[in-house]
Amino acid sequence: SPCDNSIKVASLNNIDISQQKCRQVTLNDLQTNDIIVALDDINIENINKIGKCNLVKLGAYGHNNEDVPDPYFFDGFEGFDKVFTMIESCVTQLLDKHKHD
């Protein structure tokens, strides 16, 4: 489940993630999804070990191909707000790009 600060920052932006659950990416995911989005280079390496797919790095959309950082690398709640803003910007650009493809 998401941590309390992730739930809080999402809620402040009118998004409810309180029921989300994480799990490992599987070969079936690569075969059944149109696109797989990774947050950092380590995720990309690990997903590529499973198999080839339409894999994109989220930070490539508007943030100079940066890794999306772990919010705990920042002090206090500020990191969660910064990471949310980065993800929101990148997702918007990713959706805009793929809407026109």
PDB file of N, CA and C in Angstrom:
ATOM      1  N   SER A   1       0.845  -1.200   0.000  1.00  0.00           N
ATOM      2  CA  SER A   1       0.000   0.000   0.000  1.00  0.00           C
ATOM      3  C   SER A   1       0.876   1.243   0.000  1.00  0.00           C
ATOM      4  N   PRO A   2       0.367   2.336  -0.537  1.00  0.00           N
ATOM      5  CA  PRO A   2       1.140   3.586  -0.519  1.00  0.00           C
ATOM      6  C   PRO A   2       1.372   4.064   0.920  1.00  0.00           C
ATOM      7  N   CYS A   3       2.457   4.789   1.106  1.00  0.00           N
ATOM      8  CA  CYS A   3       2.722   5.357   2.440  1.00  0.00           C
ATOM      9  C   CYS A   3       1.766   6.519   2.691  1.00  0.00           C
ATOM     10  N   ASP A   4       1.663   6.923   3.933  1.00  0.00           N
ATOM     11  CA  ASP A   4       0.729   7.980   4.322  1.00  0.00           C
ATOM     12  C   ASP A   4       0.973   9.285   3.564  1.00  0.00           C
ATOM     13  N   ASN A   5       2.251   9.668   3.373  1.00  0.00           N
ATOM     14  CA  ASN A   5       2.537  10.920   2.673  1.00  0.00           C
ATOM     15  C   ASN A   5       2.160  10.844   1.189  1.00  0.00           C
ATOM     16  N   SER A   6       2.298   9.688   0.566  1.00  0.00           N
ATOM     17  CA  SER A   6       1.871   9.531  -0.823  1.00  0.00           C
ATOM     18  C   SER A   6       0.356   9.670  -0.927  1.00  0.00           C
ATOM     19  N   ILE A   7      -0.346   9.043  -0.004  1.00  0.00           N
ATOM     20  CA  ILE A   7      -1.807   9.151   0.019  1.00  0.00           C
ATOM     21  C   ILE A   7      -2.217  10.600   0.230  1.00  0.00           C
ATOM     22  N   LYS A   8      -1.511  11.288   1.128  1.00  0.00           N
ATOM     23  CA  LYS A   8      -1.844  12.685   1.436  1.00  0.00           C
ATOM     24  C   LYS A   8      -1.623  13.599   0.241  1.00  0.00           C
ATOM     25  N   VAL A   9      -0.466  13.495  -0.430  1.00  0.00           N
ATOM     26  CA  VAL A   9      -0.195  14.388  -1.558  1.00  0.00           C
ATOM     27  C   VAL A   9      -1.160  14.113  -2.706  1.00  0.00           C
ATOM     28  N   ALA A  10      -1.498  12.861  -2.924  1.00  0.00           N
ATOM     29  CA  ALA A  10      -2.477  12.537  -3.962  1.00  0.00           C
ATOM     30  C   ALA A  10      -3.846  13.124  -3.594  1.00  0.00           C
ATOM     31  N   SER A  11      -4.238  12.959  -2.353  1.00  0.00           N
ATOM     32  CA  SER A  11      -5.528  13.481  -1.893  1.00  0.00           C
ATOM     33  C   SER A  11      -5.591  15.001  -2.036  1.00  0.00           C
ATOM     34  N   LEU A  12      -4.504  15.683  -1.727  1.00  0.00           N
ATOM     35  CA  LEU A  12      -4.451  17.145  -1.884  1.00  0.00           C
ATOM     36  C   LEU A  12      -4.627  17.559  -3.346  1.00  0.00           C
ATOM     37  N   ASN A  13      -4.391  16.606  -4.260  1.00  0.00           N
ATOM     38  CA  ASN A  13      -4.546  16.855  -5.691  1.00  0.00           C
ATOM     39  C   ASN A  13      -5.770  16.118  -6.254  1.00  0.00           C
ATOM     40  N   ASN A  14      -6.710  15.813  -5.357  1.00  0.00           N
ATOM     41  CA  ASN A  14      -7.996  15.195  -5.715  1.00  0.00           C
ATOM     42  C   ASN A  14      -7.862  13.822  -6.376  1.00  0.00           C
ATOM     43  N   ILE A  15      -6.894  13.037  -5.920  1.00  0.00           N
ATOM     44  CA  ILE A  15      -6.687  11.678  -6.411  1.00  0.00           C
ATOM     45  C   ILE A  15      -6.669  10.746  -5.202  1.00  0.00           C
ATOM     46  N   ASP A  16      -7.435   9.665  -5.282  1.00  0.00           N
ATOM     47  CA  ASP A  16      -7.474   8.691  -4.193  1.00  0.00           C
ATOM     48  C   ASP A  16      -6.633   7.471  -4.581  1.00  0.00           C
ATOM     49  N   ILE A  17      -5.495   7.303  -3.925  1.00  0.00           N
ATOM     50  CA  ILE A  17      -4.645   6.128  -4.173  1.00  0.00           C
ATOM     51  C   ILE A  17      -4.630   5.194  -2.968  1.00  0.00           C
ATOM     52  N   SER A  18      -5.508   5.431  -2.027  1.00  0.00           N
ATOM     53  CA  SER A  18      -5.465   4.700  -0.761  1.00  0.00           C
ATOM     54  C   SER A  18      -5.667   3.194  -0.915  1.00  0.00           C
ATOM     55  N   GLN A  19      -6.307   2.760  -1.992  1.00  0.00           N
ATOM     56  CA  GLN A  19      -6.552   1.327  -2.188  1.00  0.00           C
ATOM     57  C   GLN A  19      -5.552   0.679  -3.157  1.00  0.00           C
ATOM     58  N   GLN A  20      -4.578   1.443  -3.634  1.00  0.00           N
ATOM     59  CA  GLN A  20      -3.583   0.904  -4.567  1.00  0.00           C
ATOM     60  C   GLN A  20      -2.710  -0.134  -3.876  1.00  0.00           C
ATOM     61  N   LYS A  21      -2.236  -1.096  -4.649  1.00  0.00           N
ATOM     62  CA  LYS A  21      -1.306  -2.117  -4.163  1.00  0.00           C
ATOM     63  C   LYS A  21      -0.192  -2.252  -5.187  1.00  0.00           C
ATOM     64  N   CYS A  22       1.026  -2.460  -4.733  1.00  0.00           N
ATOM     65  CA  CYS A  22       2.139  -2.658  -5.657  1.00  0.00           C
ATOM     66  C   CYS A  22       2.352  -4.153  -5.889  1.00  0.00           C
ATOM     67  N   ARG A  23       3.021  -4.459  -7.002  1.00  0.00           N
ATOM     68  CA  ARG A  23       3.421  -5.832  -7.294  1.00  0.00           C
ATOM     69  C   ARG A  23       4.536  -5.773  -8.324  1.00  0.00           C
ATOM     70  N   GLN A  24       5.202  -6.874  -8.502  1.00  0.00           N
ATOM     71  CA  GLN A  24       6.276  -6.973  -9.479  1.00  0.00           C
ATOM     72  C   GLN A  24       5.697  -6.996 -10.896  1.00  0.00           C
ATOM     73  N   VAL A  25       6.439  -6.430 -11.848  1.00  0.00           N
ATOM     74  CA  VAL A  25       6.073  -6.515 -13.260  1.00  0.00           C
ATOM     75  C   VAL A  25       6.329  -7.948 -13.723  1.00  0.00           C
ATOM     76  N   THR A  26       5.407  -8.468 -14.528  1.00  0.00           N
ATOM     77  CA  THR A  26       5.527  -9.838 -15.024  1.00  0.00           C
ATOM     78  C   THR A  26       5.637  -9.848 -16.546  1.00  0.00           C
ATOM     79  N   LEU A  27       6.038 -10.996 -17.097  1.00  0.00           N
ATOM     80  CA  LEU A  27       6.085 -11.165 -18.543  1.00  0.00           C
ATOM     81  C   LEU A  27       4.699 -10.930 -19.140  1.00  0.00           C
ATOM     82  N   ASN A  28       3.663 -11.364 -18.471  1.00  0.00           N
ATOM     83  CA  ASN A  28       2.305 -11.138 -18.943  1.00  0.00           C
ATOM     84  C   ASN A  28       2.008  -9.644 -19.080  1.00  0.00           C
ATOM     85  N   ASP A  29       2.496  -8.826 -18.151  1.00  0.00           N
ATOM     86  CA  ASP A  29       2.313  -7.374 -18.247  1.00  0.00           C
ATOM     87  C   ASP A  29       2.912  -6.840 -19.545  1.00  0.00           C
ATOM     88  N   LEU A  30       4.095  -7.330 -19.895  1.00  0.00           N
ATOM     89  CA  LEU A  30       4.777  -6.863 -21.100  1.00  0.00           C
ATOM     90  C   LEU A  30       4.002  -7.259 -22.353  1.00  0.00           C
ATOM     91  N   GLN A  31       3.312  -8.373 -22.292  1.00  0.00           N
ATOM     92  CA  GLN A  31       2.589  -8.881 -23.446  1.00  0.00           C
ATOM     93  C   GLN A  31       1.180  -8.321 -23.573  1.00  0.00           C
ATOM     94  N   THR A  32       0.605  -7.829 -22.488  1.00  0.00           N
ATOM     95  CA  THR A  32      -0.794  -7.407 -22.520  1.00  0.00           C
ATOM     96  C   THR A  32      -1.012  -5.899 -22.415  1.00  0.00           C
ATOM     97  N   ASN A  33       0.035  -5.140 -22.177  1.00  0.00           N
ATOM     98  CA  ASN A  33      -0.108  -3.686 -22.061  1.00  0.00           C
ATOM     99  C   ASN A  33       0.531  -2.994 -23.258  1.00  0.00           C
ATOM    100  N   ASP A  34      -0.087  -1.914 -23.690  1.00  0.00           N
ATOM    101  CA  ASP A  34       0.422  -1.157 -24.832  1.00  0.00           C
ATOM    102  C   ASP A  34       1.723  -0.442 -24.507  1.00  0.00           C
ATOM    103  N   ILE A  35       1.888  -0.051 -23.252  1.00  0.00           N
ATOM    104  CA  ILE A  35       3.075   0.700 -22.839  1.00  0.00           C
ATOM    105  C   ILE A  35       3.364   0.376 -21.375  1.00  0.00           C
ATOM    106  N   ILE A  36       4.628   0.286 -21.052  1.00  0.00           N
ATOM    107  CA  ILE A  36       5.080   0.114 -19.670  1.00  0.00           C
ATOM    108  C   ILE A  36       5.891   1.360 -19.331  1.00  0.00           C
ATOM    109  N   VAL A  37       5.601   1.972 -18.203  1.00  0.00           N
ATOM    110  CA  VAL A  37       6.265   3.205 -17.788  1.00  0.00           C
ATOM    111  C   VAL A  37       7.156   2.910 -16.592  1.00  0.00           C
ATOM    112  N   ALA A  38       8.435   3.228 -16.736  1.00  0.00           N
ATOM    113  CA  ALA A  38       9.403   3.047 -15.654  1.00  0.00           C
ATOM    114  C   ALA A  38       9.777   4.410 -15.078  1.00  0.00           C
ATOM    115  N   LEU A  39      10.132   4.427 -13.803  1.00  0.00           N
ATOM    116  CA  LEU A  39      10.475   5.690 -13.154  1.00  0.00           C
ATOM    117  C   LEU A  39      11.969   5.978 -13.133  1.00  0.00           C
ATOM    118  N   ASP A  40      12.787   4.949 -13.317  1.00  0.00           N
ATOM    119  CA  ASP A  40      14.227   5.204 -13.287  1.00  0.00           C
ATOM    120  C   ASP A  40      14.978   4.144 -14.088  1.00  0.00           C
ATOM    121  N   ASP A  41      16.275   4.373 -14.257  1.00  0.00           N
ATOM    122  CA  ASP A  41      17.108   3.482 -15.069  1.00  0.00           C
ATOM    123  C   ASP A  41      17.176   2.065 -14.509  1.00  0.00           C
ATOM    124  N   ILE A  42      17.133   1.918 -13.196  1.00  0.00           N
ATOM    125  CA  ILE A  42      17.163   0.582 -12.593  1.00  0.00           C
ATOM    126  C   ILE A  42      15.898  -0.187 -12.952  1.00  0.00           C
ATOM    127  N   ASN A  43      14.728   0.505 -12.908  1.00  0.00           N
ATOM    128  CA  ASN A  43      13.475  -0.137 -13.337  1.00  0.00           C
ATOM    129  C   ASN A  43      13.581  -0.587 -14.789  1.00  0.00           C
ATOM    130  N   ILE A  44      14.136   0.254 -15.639  1.00  0.00           N
ATOM    131  CA  ILE A  44      14.278  -0.077 -17.063  1.00  0.00           C
ATOM    132  C   ILE A  44      15.152  -1.311 -17.238  1.00  0.00           C
ATOM    133  N   GLU A  45      16.291  -1.345 -16.555  1.00  0.00           N
ATOM    134  CA  GLU A  45      17.176  -2.512 -16.641  1.00  0.00           C
ATOM    135  C   GLU A  45      16.451  -3.785 -16.212  1.00  0.00           C
ATOM    136  N   ASN A  46      15.742  -3.722 -15.099  1.00  0.00           N
ATOM    137  CA  ASN A  46      15.052  -4.904 -14.580  1.00  0.00           C
ATOM    138  C   ASN A  46      13.920  -5.358 -15.497  1.00  0.00           C
ATOM    139  N   ILE A  47      13.176  -4.419 -16.045  1.00  0.00           N
ATOM    140  CA  ILE A  47      12.092  -4.782 -16.955  1.00  0.00           C
ATOM    141  C   ILE A  47      12.648  -5.366 -18.242  1.00  0.00           C
ATOM    142  N   ASN A  48      13.742  -4.813 -18.749  1.00  0.00           N
ATOM    143  CA  ASN A  48      14.361  -5.346 -19.964  1.00  0.00           C
ATOM    144  C   ASN A  48      14.861  -6.779 -19.776  1.00  0.00           C
ATOM    145  N   LYS A  49      15.190  -7.156 -18.546  1.00  0.00           N
ATOM    146  CA  LYS A  49      15.616  -8.535 -18.274  1.00  0.00           C
ATOM    147  C   LYS A  49      14.462  -9.518 -18.433  1.00  0.00           C
ATOM    148  N   ILE A  50      13.230  -9.035 -18.224  1.00  0.00           N
ATOM    149  CA  ILE A  50      12.047  -9.890 -18.361  1.00  0.00           C
ATOM    150  C   ILE A  50      11.740 -10.133 -19.828  1.00  0.00           C
ATOM    151  N   GLY A  51      11.867  -9.081 -20.634  1.00  0.00           N
ATOM    152  CA  GLY A  51      11.563  -9.192 -22.057  1.00  0.00           C
ATOM    153  C   GLY A  51      11.425  -7.820 -22.688  1.00  0.00           C
ATOM    154  N   LYS A  52      11.320  -7.803 -23.991  1.00  0.00           N
ATOM    155  CA  LYS A  52      11.193  -6.542 -24.721  1.00  0.00           C
ATOM    156  C   LYS A  52       9.727  -6.118 -24.770  1.00  0.00           C
ATOM    157  N   CYS A  53       9.525  -4.797 -24.706  1.00  0.00           N
ATOM    158  CA  CYS A  53       8.174  -4.253 -24.751  1.00  0.00           C
ATOM    159  C   CYS A  53       8.271  -2.782 -25.115  1.00  0.00           C
ATOM    160  N   ASN A  54       7.135  -2.142 -25.208  1.00  0.00           N
ATOM    161  CA  ASN A  54       7.091  -0.703 -25.422  1.00  0.00           C
ATOM    162  C   ASN A  54       7.322  -0.046 -24.061  1.00  0.00           C
ATOM    163  N   LEU A  55       8.582   0.163 -23.739  1.00  0.00           N
ATOM    164  CA  LEU A  55       9.015   0.656 -22.426  1.00  0.00           C
ATOM    165  C   LEU A  55       9.492   2.090 -22.549  1.00  0.00           C
ATOM    166  N   VAL A  56       8.976   2.962 -21.689  1.00  0.00           N
ATOM    167  CA  VAL A  56       9.407   4.351 -21.677  1.00  0.00           C
ATOM    168  C   VAL A  56       9.814   4.752 -20.268  1.00  0.00           C
ATOM    169  N   LYS A  57      10.714   5.692 -20.218  1.00  0.00           N
ATOM    170  CA  LYS A  57      11.126   6.270 -18.935  1.00  0.00           C
ATOM    171  C   LYS A  57      10.310   7.543 -18.733  1.00  0.00           C
ATOM    172  N   LEU A  58       9.559   7.617 -17.651  1.00  0.00           N
ATOM    173  CA  LEU A  58       8.661   8.731 -17.420  1.00  0.00           C
ATOM    174  C   LEU A  58       9.383  10.074 -17.459  1.00  0.00           C
ATOM    175  N   GLY A  59      10.575  10.148 -16.887  1.00  0.00           N
ATOM    176  CA  GLY A  59      11.328  11.401 -16.848  1.00  0.00           C
ATOM    177  C   GLY A  59      11.780  11.898 -18.200  1.00  0.00           C
ATOM    178  N   ALA A  60      11.640  11.078 -19.225  1.00  0.00           N
ATOM    179  CA  ALA A  60      11.988  11.509 -20.582  1.00  0.00           C
ATOM    180  C   ALA A  60      10.979  12.527 -21.107  1.00  0.00           C
ATOM    181  N   TYR A  61       9.865  12.636 -20.443  1.00  0.00           N
ATOM    182  CA  TYR A  61       8.813  13.554 -20.872  1.00  0.00           C
ATOM    183  C   TYR A  61       8.865  14.829 -20.045  1.00  0.00           C
ATOM    184  N   GLY A  62       9.672  15.773 -20.511  1.00  0.00           N
ATOM    185  CA  GLY A  62       9.716  17.092 -19.894  1.00  0.00           C
ATOM    186  C   GLY A  62      10.752  17.299 -18.821  1.00  0.00           C
ATOM    187  N   HIS A  63      11.544  16.293 -18.495  1.00  0.00           N
ATOM    188  CA  HIS A  63      12.522  16.466 -17.420  1.00  0.00           C
ATOM    189  C   HIS A  63      13.898  15.940 -17.802  1.00  0.00           C
ATOM    190  N   ASN A  64      14.287  16.143 -19.047  1.00  0.00           N
ATOM    191  CA  ASN A  64      15.639  15.808 -19.508  1.00  0.00           C
ATOM    192  C   ASN A  64      16.051  14.376 -19.214  1.00  0.00           C
ATOM    193  N   ASN A  65      15.093  13.468 -19.302  1.00  0.00           N
ATOM    194  CA  ASN A  65      15.364  12.045 -19.105  1.00  0.00           C
ATOM    195  C   ASN A  65      15.850  11.716 -17.688  1.00  0.00           C
ATOM    196  N   GLU A  66      15.476  12.532 -16.740  1.00  0.00           N
ATOM    197  CA  GLU A  66      15.861  12.303 -15.342  1.00  0.00           C
ATOM    198  C   GLU A  66      15.108  11.109 -14.764  1.00  0.00           C
ATOM    199  N   ASP A  67      15.703  10.479 -13.780  1.00  0.00           N
ATOM    200  CA  ASP A  67      14.988   9.495 -12.981  1.00  0.00           C
ATOM    201  C   ASP A  67      13.955  10.243 -12.139  1.00  0.00           C
ATOM    202  N   VAL A  68      12.820   9.623 -11.900  1.00  0.00           N
ATOM    203  CA  VAL A  68      11.875  10.168 -10.925  1.00  0.00           C
ATOM    204  C   VAL A  68      12.433   9.779  -9.561  1.00  0.00           C
ATOM    205  N   PRO A  69      12.783  10.767  -8.735  1.00  0.00           N
ATOM    206  CA  PRO A  69      13.446  10.445  -7.464  1.00  0.00           C
ATOM    207  C   PRO A  69      12.485   9.887  -6.423  1.00  0.00           C
ATOM    208  N   ASP A  70      13.042   9.162  -5.493  1.00  0.00           N
ATOM    209  CA  ASP A  70      12.288   8.708  -4.337  1.00  0.00           C
ATOM    210  C   ASP A  70      12.018   9.943  -3.466  1.00  0.00           C
ATOM    211  N   PRO A  71      10.771  10.194  -3.080  1.00  0.00           N
ATOM    212  CA  PRO A  71      10.478  11.398  -2.292  1.00  0.00           C
ATOM    213  C   PRO A  71      11.174  11.430  -0.939  1.00  0.00           C
ATOM    214  N   TYR A  72      11.634  10.279  -0.450  1.00  0.00           N
ATOM    215  CA  TYR A  72      12.324  10.257   0.837  1.00  0.00           C
ATOM    216  C   TYR A  72      13.718  10.873   0.756  1.00  0.00           C
ATOM    217  N   PHE A  73      14.215  11.156  -0.458  1.00  0.00           N
ATOM    218  CA  PHE A  73      15.512  11.811  -0.606  1.00  0.00           C
ATOM    219  C   PHE A  73      15.434  13.291  -0.239  1.00  0.00           C
ATOM    220  N   PHE A  74      14.231  13.820  -0.108  1.00  0.00           N
ATOM    221  CA  PHE A  74      14.023  15.210   0.260  1.00  0.00           C
ATOM    222  C   PHE A  74      13.652  15.284   1.736  1.00  0.00           C
ATOM    223  N   ASP A  75      13.690  16.495   2.288  1.00  0.00           N
ATOM    224  CA  ASP A  75      13.299  16.688   3.682  1.00  0.00           C
ATOM    225  C   ASP A  75      11.783  16.766   3.811  1.00  0.00           C
ATOM    226  N   GLY A  76      11.242  16.032   4.759  1.00  0.00           N
ATOM    227  CA  GLY A  76       9.830  16.124   5.107  1.00  0.00           C
ATOM    228  C   GLY A  76       8.877  15.867   3.963  1.00  0.00           C
ATOM    229  N   PHE A  77       7.727  16.529   4.030  1.00  0.00           N
ATOM    230  CA  PHE A  77       6.657  16.343   3.054  1.00  0.00           C
ATOM    231  C   PHE A  77       6.991  16.982   1.716  1.00  0.00           C
ATOM    232  N   GLU A  78       7.925  17.928   1.707  1.00  0.00           N
ATOM    233  CA  GLU A  78       8.289  18.660   0.494  1.00  0.00           C
ATOM    234  C   GLU A  78       8.644  17.724  -0.660  1.00  0.00           C
ATOM    235  N   GLY A  79       9.326  16.635  -0.376  1.00  0.00           N
ATOM    236  CA  GLY A  79       9.714  15.698  -1.419  1.00  0.00           C
ATOM    237  C   GLY A  79       8.535  15.054  -2.096  1.00  0.00           C
ATOM    238  N   PHE A  80       7.514  14.741  -1.342  1.00  0.00           N
ATOM    239  CA  PHE A  80       6.326  14.122  -1.916  1.00  0.00           C
ATOM    240  C   PHE A  80       5.616  15.089  -2.849  1.00  0.00           C
ATOM    241  N   ASP A  81       5.569  16.353  -2.455  1.00  0.00           N
ATOM    242  CA  ASP A  81       4.949  17.367  -3.296  1.00  0.00           C
ATOM    243  C   ASP A  81       5.759  17.578  -4.583  1.00  0.00           C
ATOM    244  N   LYS A  82       7.090  17.648  -4.456  1.00  0.00           N
ATOM    245  CA  LYS A  82       7.952  17.828  -5.628  1.00  0.00           C
ATOM    246  C   LYS A  82       7.838  16.647  -6.596  1.00  0.00           C
ATOM    247  N   VAL A  83       7.868  15.440  -6.077  1.00  0.00           N
ATOM    248  CA  VAL A  83       7.792  14.244  -6.922  1.00  0.00           C
ATOM    249  C   VAL A  83       6.411  14.143  -7.572  1.00  0.00           C
ATOM    250  N   PHE A  84       5.357  14.470  -6.841  1.00  0.00           N
ATOM    251  CA  PHE A  84       4.021  14.463  -7.434  1.00  0.00           C
ATOM    252  C   PHE A  84       3.956  15.432  -8.605  1.00  0.00           C
ATOM    253  N   THR A  85       4.482  16.635  -8.419  1.00  0.00           N
ATOM    254  CA  THR A  85       4.466  17.645  -9.474  1.00  0.00           C
ATOM    255  C   THR A  85       5.241  17.168 -10.697  1.00  0.00           C
ATOM    256  N   MET A  86       6.391  16.545 -10.480  1.00  0.00           N
ATOM    257  CA  MET A  86       7.188  16.020 -11.593  1.00  0.00           C
ATOM    258  C   MET A  86       6.420  14.924 -12.333  1.00  0.00           C
ATOM    259  N   ILE A  87       5.852  13.987 -11.592  1.00  0.00           N
ATOM    260  CA  ILE A  87       5.108  12.890 -12.217  1.00  0.00           C
ATOM    261  C   ILE A  87       3.903  13.430 -12.979  1.00  0.00           C
ATOM    262  N   GLU A  88       3.184  14.360 -12.387  1.00  0.00           N
ATOM    263  CA  GLU A  88       2.010  14.933 -13.054  1.00  0.00           C
ATOM    264  C   GLU A  88       2.394  15.588 -14.380  1.00  0.00           C
ATOM    265  N   SER A  89       3.465  16.347 -14.377  1.00  0.00           N
ATOM    266  CA  SER A  89       3.937  17.008 -15.595  1.00  0.00           C
ATOM    267  C   SER A  89       4.347  15.977 -16.656  1.00  0.00           C
ATOM    268  N   CYS A  90       5.102  14.984 -16.251  1.00  0.00           N
ATOM    269  CA  CYS A  90       5.573  13.960 -17.193  1.00  0.00           C
ATOM    270  C   CYS A  90       4.424  13.130 -17.751  1.00  0.00           C
ATOM    271  N   VAL A  91       3.483  12.755 -16.905  1.00  0.00           N
ATOM    272  CA  VAL A  91       2.341  11.949 -17.362  1.00  0.00           C
ATOM    273  C   VAL A  91       1.511  12.750 -18.359  1.00  0.00           C
ATOM    274  N   THR A  92       1.291  14.028 -18.083  1.00  0.00           N
ATOM    275  CA  THR A  92       0.542  14.875 -19.014  1.00  0.00           C
ATOM    276  C   THR A  92       1.217  14.904 -20.377  1.00  0.00           C
ATOM    277  N   GLN A  93       2.542  15.075 -20.392  1.00  0.00           N
ATOM    278  CA  GLN A  93       3.273  15.117 -21.660  1.00  0.00           C
ATOM    279  C   GLN A  93       3.280  13.751 -22.344  1.00  0.00           C
ATOM    280  N   LEU A  94       3.402  12.694 -21.575  1.00  0.00           N
ATOM    281  CA  LEU A  94       3.361  11.338 -22.130  1.00  0.00           C
ATOM    282  C   LEU A  94       2.008  11.080 -22.795  1.00  0.00           C
ATOM    283  N   LEU A  95       0.930  11.425 -22.125  1.00  0.00           N
ATOM    284  CA  LEU A  95      -0.406  11.215 -22.685  1.00  0.00           C
ATOM    285  C   LEU A  95      -0.623  12.060 -23.929  1.00  0.00           C
ATOM    286  N   ASP A  96      -0.160  13.306 -23.906  1.00  0.00           N
ATOM    287  CA  ASP A  96      -0.287  14.177 -25.078  1.00  0.00           C
ATOM    288  C   ASP A  96       0.447  13.581 -26.278  1.00  0.00           C
ATOM    289  N   LYS A  97       1.643  13.060 -26.052  1.00  0.00           N
ATOM    290  CA  LYS A  97       2.423  12.482 -27.140  1.00  0.00           C
ATOM    291  C   LYS A  97       1.727  11.257 -27.736  1.00  0.00           C
ATOM    292  N   HIS A  98       1.260  10.372 -26.880  1.00  0.00           N
ATOM    293  CA  HIS A  98       0.659   9.128 -27.348  1.00  0.00           C
ATOM    294  C   HIS A  98      -0.762   9.323 -27.879  1.00  0.00           C
ATOM    295  N   LYS A  99      -1.386  10.424 -27.525  1.00  0.00           N
ATOM    296  CA  LYS A  99      -2.702  10.744 -28.064  1.00  0.00           C
ATOM    297  C   LYS A  99      -2.579  11.052 -29.566  1.00  0.00           C
ATOM    298  N   HIS A 100      -1.424  11.607 -29.964  1.00  0.00           N
ATOM    299  CA  HIS A 100      -1.208  12.001 -31.349  1.00  0.00           C
ATOM    300  C   HIS A 100      -0.538  10.908 -32.167  1.00  0.00           C
ATOM    301  N   ASP A 101      -0.095   9.832 -31.540  1.00  0.00           N
ATOM    302  CA  ASP A 101       0.567   8.737 -32.263  1.00  0.00           C
ATOM    303  C   ASP A 101      -0.442   7.804 -32.917  1.00  0.00           C
TER     304      ASP A 101
END
